[in-house]
N, C-alpha and C. Protein backbone atom coordinates (compact mmCIF):
# COMPACT_ATOMS: atom_id res chain seq x y z
N GLU A 1 8.03 -14.42 0.14
CA GLU A 1 9.05 -14.24 -0.88
C GLU A 1 8.46 -14.19 -2.29
N ASP A 2 7.18 -14.56 -2.42
CA ASP A 2 6.56 -14.53 -3.75
C ASP A 2 6.30 -13.09 -4.18
N ILE A 3 6.44 -12.86 -5.47
CA ILE A 3 6.23 -11.52 -6.03
C ILE A 3 4.73 -11.22 -6.05
N PHE A 4 4.37 -10.06 -5.52
CA PHE A 4 2.98 -9.62 -5.49
C PHE A 4 2.70 -8.60 -6.59
N LEU A 5 3.65 -7.70 -6.83
CA LEU A 5 3.42 -6.60 -7.74
C LEU A 5 4.73 -6.24 -8.44
N LEU A 6 4.65 -5.91 -9.73
CA LEU A 6 5.81 -5.47 -10.49
C LEU A 6 5.54 -4.08 -11.07
N PRO A 7 5.60 -3.05 -10.23
CA PRO A 7 5.40 -1.70 -10.78
C PRO A 7 6.64 -1.28 -11.58
N HIS A 8 6.43 -0.46 -12.58
CA HIS A 8 7.52 0.03 -13.41
C HIS A 8 7.83 1.46 -13.01
N SER A 9 9.10 1.76 -12.89
CA SER A 9 9.54 3.07 -12.45
C SER A 9 10.49 3.65 -13.47
N SER A 10 10.27 4.91 -13.83
CA SER A 10 11.22 5.57 -14.71
C SER A 10 12.35 6.17 -13.89
N GLY A 11 12.12 6.32 -12.59
CA GLY A 11 13.14 6.89 -11.73
C GLY A 11 13.42 8.33 -12.09
N THR A 12 14.48 8.85 -11.54
CA THR A 12 14.85 10.23 -11.86
C THR A 12 15.93 10.29 -12.92
N SER A 13 16.55 9.14 -13.18
CA SER A 13 17.58 9.10 -14.22
C SER A 13 17.63 7.69 -14.80
N GLY A 14 18.02 7.60 -16.02
CA GLY A 14 18.20 6.28 -16.63
C GLY A 14 16.94 5.74 -17.26
N LEU A 15 17.02 4.48 -17.61
CA LEU A 15 15.92 3.79 -18.29
C LEU A 15 14.88 3.29 -17.30
N PRO A 16 13.66 3.05 -17.78
CA PRO A 16 12.63 2.49 -16.90
C PRO A 16 13.05 1.12 -16.38
N LYS A 17 12.60 0.80 -15.18
CA LYS A 17 12.95 -0.47 -14.57
C LYS A 17 11.77 -1.00 -13.77
N SER A 18 11.73 -2.29 -13.54
CA SER A 18 10.68 -2.91 -12.72
C SER A 18 11.19 -3.03 -11.29
N VAL A 19 10.25 -2.90 -10.37
CA VAL A 19 10.55 -3.05 -8.95
C VAL A 19 9.75 -4.25 -8.46
N MET A 20 10.41 -5.20 -7.81
CA MET A 20 9.73 -6.40 -7.33
C MET A 20 9.25 -6.18 -5.89
N LEU A 21 7.95 -6.19 -5.68
CA LEU A 21 7.37 -6.06 -4.35
C LEU A 21 6.75 -7.41 -3.97
N THR A 22 7.10 -7.90 -2.80
CA THR A 22 6.60 -9.20 -2.35
C THR A 22 5.33 -9.05 -1.53
N HIS A 23 4.69 -10.16 -1.25
CA HIS A 23 3.52 -10.16 -0.39
C HIS A 23 3.87 -9.58 0.98
N PHE A 24 5.05 -9.92 1.48
CA PHE A 24 5.49 -9.41 2.78
C PHE A 24 5.64 -7.90 2.74
N ASN A 25 6.24 -7.35 1.68
CA ASN A 25 6.38 -5.91 1.54
C ASN A 25 5.04 -5.21 1.60
N MET A 26 4.10 -5.72 0.82
CA MET A 26 2.79 -5.07 0.73
C MET A 26 2.02 -5.17 2.04
N SER A 27 1.98 -6.36 2.64
CA SER A 27 1.22 -6.52 3.88
C SER A 27 1.87 -5.73 5.02
N SER A 28 3.18 -5.65 5.05
CA SER A 28 3.86 -4.86 6.09
C SER A 28 3.53 -3.38 5.96
N ASN A 29 3.52 -2.87 4.74
CA ASN A 29 3.19 -1.46 4.54
C ASN A 29 1.76 -1.15 4.94
N VAL A 30 0.84 -2.04 4.62
CA VAL A 30 -0.56 -1.82 5.01
C VAL A 30 -0.71 -1.86 6.52
N MET A 31 -0.04 -2.80 7.19
CA MET A 31 -0.11 -2.89 8.65
C MET A 31 0.50 -1.66 9.31
N GLN A 32 1.57 -1.11 8.74
CA GLN A 32 2.17 0.11 9.28
C GLN A 32 1.20 1.28 9.16
N PHE A 33 0.44 1.30 8.09
CA PHE A 33 -0.53 2.37 7.89
C PHE A 33 -1.73 2.22 8.84
N LEU A 34 -2.21 0.99 9.00
CA LEU A 34 -3.38 0.76 9.84
C LEU A 34 -3.07 0.85 11.33
N GLU A 35 -1.88 0.43 11.73
CA GLU A 35 -1.53 0.38 13.14
C GLU A 35 -0.18 1.05 13.38
N PRO A 36 -0.11 2.38 13.23
CA PRO A 36 1.19 3.05 13.36
C PRO A 36 1.78 2.99 14.77
N GLY A 37 0.94 2.88 15.79
CA GLY A 37 1.46 2.87 17.15
C GLY A 37 1.27 1.56 17.86
N GLY A 38 0.89 0.52 17.17
CA GLY A 38 0.67 -0.76 17.82
C GLY A 38 -0.59 -1.43 17.30
N THR A 39 -1.27 -2.14 18.19
CA THR A 39 -2.43 -2.92 17.76
C THR A 39 -3.75 -2.37 18.30
N ASN A 40 -3.78 -1.13 18.74
CA ASN A 40 -5.01 -0.53 19.25
C ASN A 40 -5.79 0.10 18.11
N HIS A 41 -6.64 -0.67 17.46
CA HIS A 41 -7.42 -0.13 16.35
C HIS A 41 -8.88 -0.55 16.49
N GLN A 42 -9.74 0.24 15.90
CA GLN A 42 -11.18 -0.01 15.91
C GLN A 42 -11.51 -0.95 14.76
N LEU A 43 -12.20 -2.02 15.06
CA LEU A 43 -12.63 -2.94 14.01
C LEU A 43 -13.88 -2.39 13.32
N ALA A 44 -14.02 -2.68 12.05
CA ALA A 44 -15.19 -2.23 11.30
C ALA A 44 -16.43 -2.98 11.79
N THR A 45 -17.49 -2.23 12.04
CA THR A 45 -18.77 -2.81 12.44
C THR A 45 -19.85 -2.21 11.56
N SER A 46 -21.10 -2.55 11.84
CA SER A 46 -22.19 -1.97 11.06
C SER A 46 -22.36 -0.48 11.37
N GLU A 47 -21.88 -0.02 12.54
CA GLU A 47 -21.99 1.40 12.90
C GLU A 47 -20.72 2.19 12.60
N TYR A 48 -19.59 1.52 12.53
CA TYR A 48 -18.31 2.21 12.35
C TYR A 48 -17.54 1.60 11.18
N GLN A 49 -16.98 2.47 10.35
CA GLN A 49 -16.17 2.02 9.23
C GLN A 49 -15.18 3.12 8.88
N ASP A 50 -13.91 2.76 8.71
CA ASP A 50 -12.91 3.74 8.30
C ASP A 50 -13.23 4.24 6.90
N THR A 51 -12.97 5.52 6.67
CA THR A 51 -13.16 6.13 5.36
C THR A 51 -11.87 6.81 4.95
N TYR A 52 -11.44 6.60 3.72
CA TYR A 52 -10.22 7.20 3.23
C TYR A 52 -10.52 8.03 1.99
N VAL A 53 -9.92 9.20 1.93
CA VAL A 53 -9.99 10.02 0.73
C VAL A 53 -8.80 9.63 -0.13
N CYS A 54 -9.07 9.10 -1.31
CA CYS A 54 -8.00 8.58 -2.17
C CYS A 54 -7.58 9.64 -3.17
N LEU A 55 -6.57 10.41 -2.78
CA LEU A 55 -6.09 11.48 -3.65
C LEU A 55 -4.99 11.02 -4.60
N LEU A 56 -4.31 9.95 -4.23
CA LEU A 56 -3.23 9.45 -5.07
C LEU A 56 -3.78 8.49 -6.13
N PRO A 57 -3.23 8.53 -7.33
CA PRO A 57 -3.69 7.60 -8.37
C PRO A 57 -3.27 6.16 -8.06
N PHE A 58 -4.10 5.22 -8.44
CA PHE A 58 -3.81 3.81 -8.16
C PHE A 58 -2.72 3.23 -9.06
N PHE A 59 -2.32 3.94 -10.10
CA PHE A 59 -1.20 3.45 -10.90
C PHE A 59 0.13 3.80 -10.25
N HIS A 60 0.12 4.62 -9.21
CA HIS A 60 1.34 4.95 -8.47
C HIS A 60 1.51 3.94 -7.34
N THR A 61 2.73 3.54 -7.06
CA THR A 61 2.99 2.51 -6.05
C THR A 61 2.43 2.89 -4.69
N TYR A 62 2.55 4.13 -4.30
CA TYR A 62 2.02 4.55 -3.00
C TYR A 62 0.51 4.44 -2.98
N GLY A 63 -0.15 4.79 -4.08
CA GLY A 63 -1.61 4.66 -4.16
C GLY A 63 -2.06 3.21 -4.10
N ILE A 64 -1.31 2.33 -4.75
CA ILE A 64 -1.65 0.90 -4.73
C ILE A 64 -1.43 0.34 -3.33
N THR A 65 -0.27 0.60 -2.77
CA THR A 65 0.09 -0.01 -1.49
C THR A 65 -0.79 0.48 -0.35
N ILE A 66 -0.87 1.76 -0.17
CA ILE A 66 -1.55 2.31 1.00
C ILE A 66 -3.05 2.40 0.79
N LEU A 67 -3.50 2.98 -0.29
CA LEU A 67 -4.92 3.26 -0.45
C LEU A 67 -5.73 2.06 -0.93
N MET A 68 -5.33 1.45 -2.01
CA MET A 68 -6.13 0.37 -2.58
C MET A 68 -6.07 -0.90 -1.72
N ASN A 69 -4.89 -1.28 -1.24
CA ASN A 69 -4.79 -2.49 -0.43
C ASN A 69 -5.36 -2.34 0.96
N THR A 70 -5.36 -1.12 1.50
CA THR A 70 -5.94 -0.90 2.81
C THR A 70 -7.43 -1.07 2.72
């Protein structure tokens, strides 16, 4: 329930506003990205490591949640 991140959104209409994202929100999104079909994933070893191309900026919520936290 603790607040993890307060990104600011201008939205599509109206004034800018803050969005409260909790630790649970962030960790759930990362787990959904890492394990979309369950818990069958390869652990990082000295021979194997996941690599991500980070095309989204880290100031965007999607870039922070999925790319930087993963």
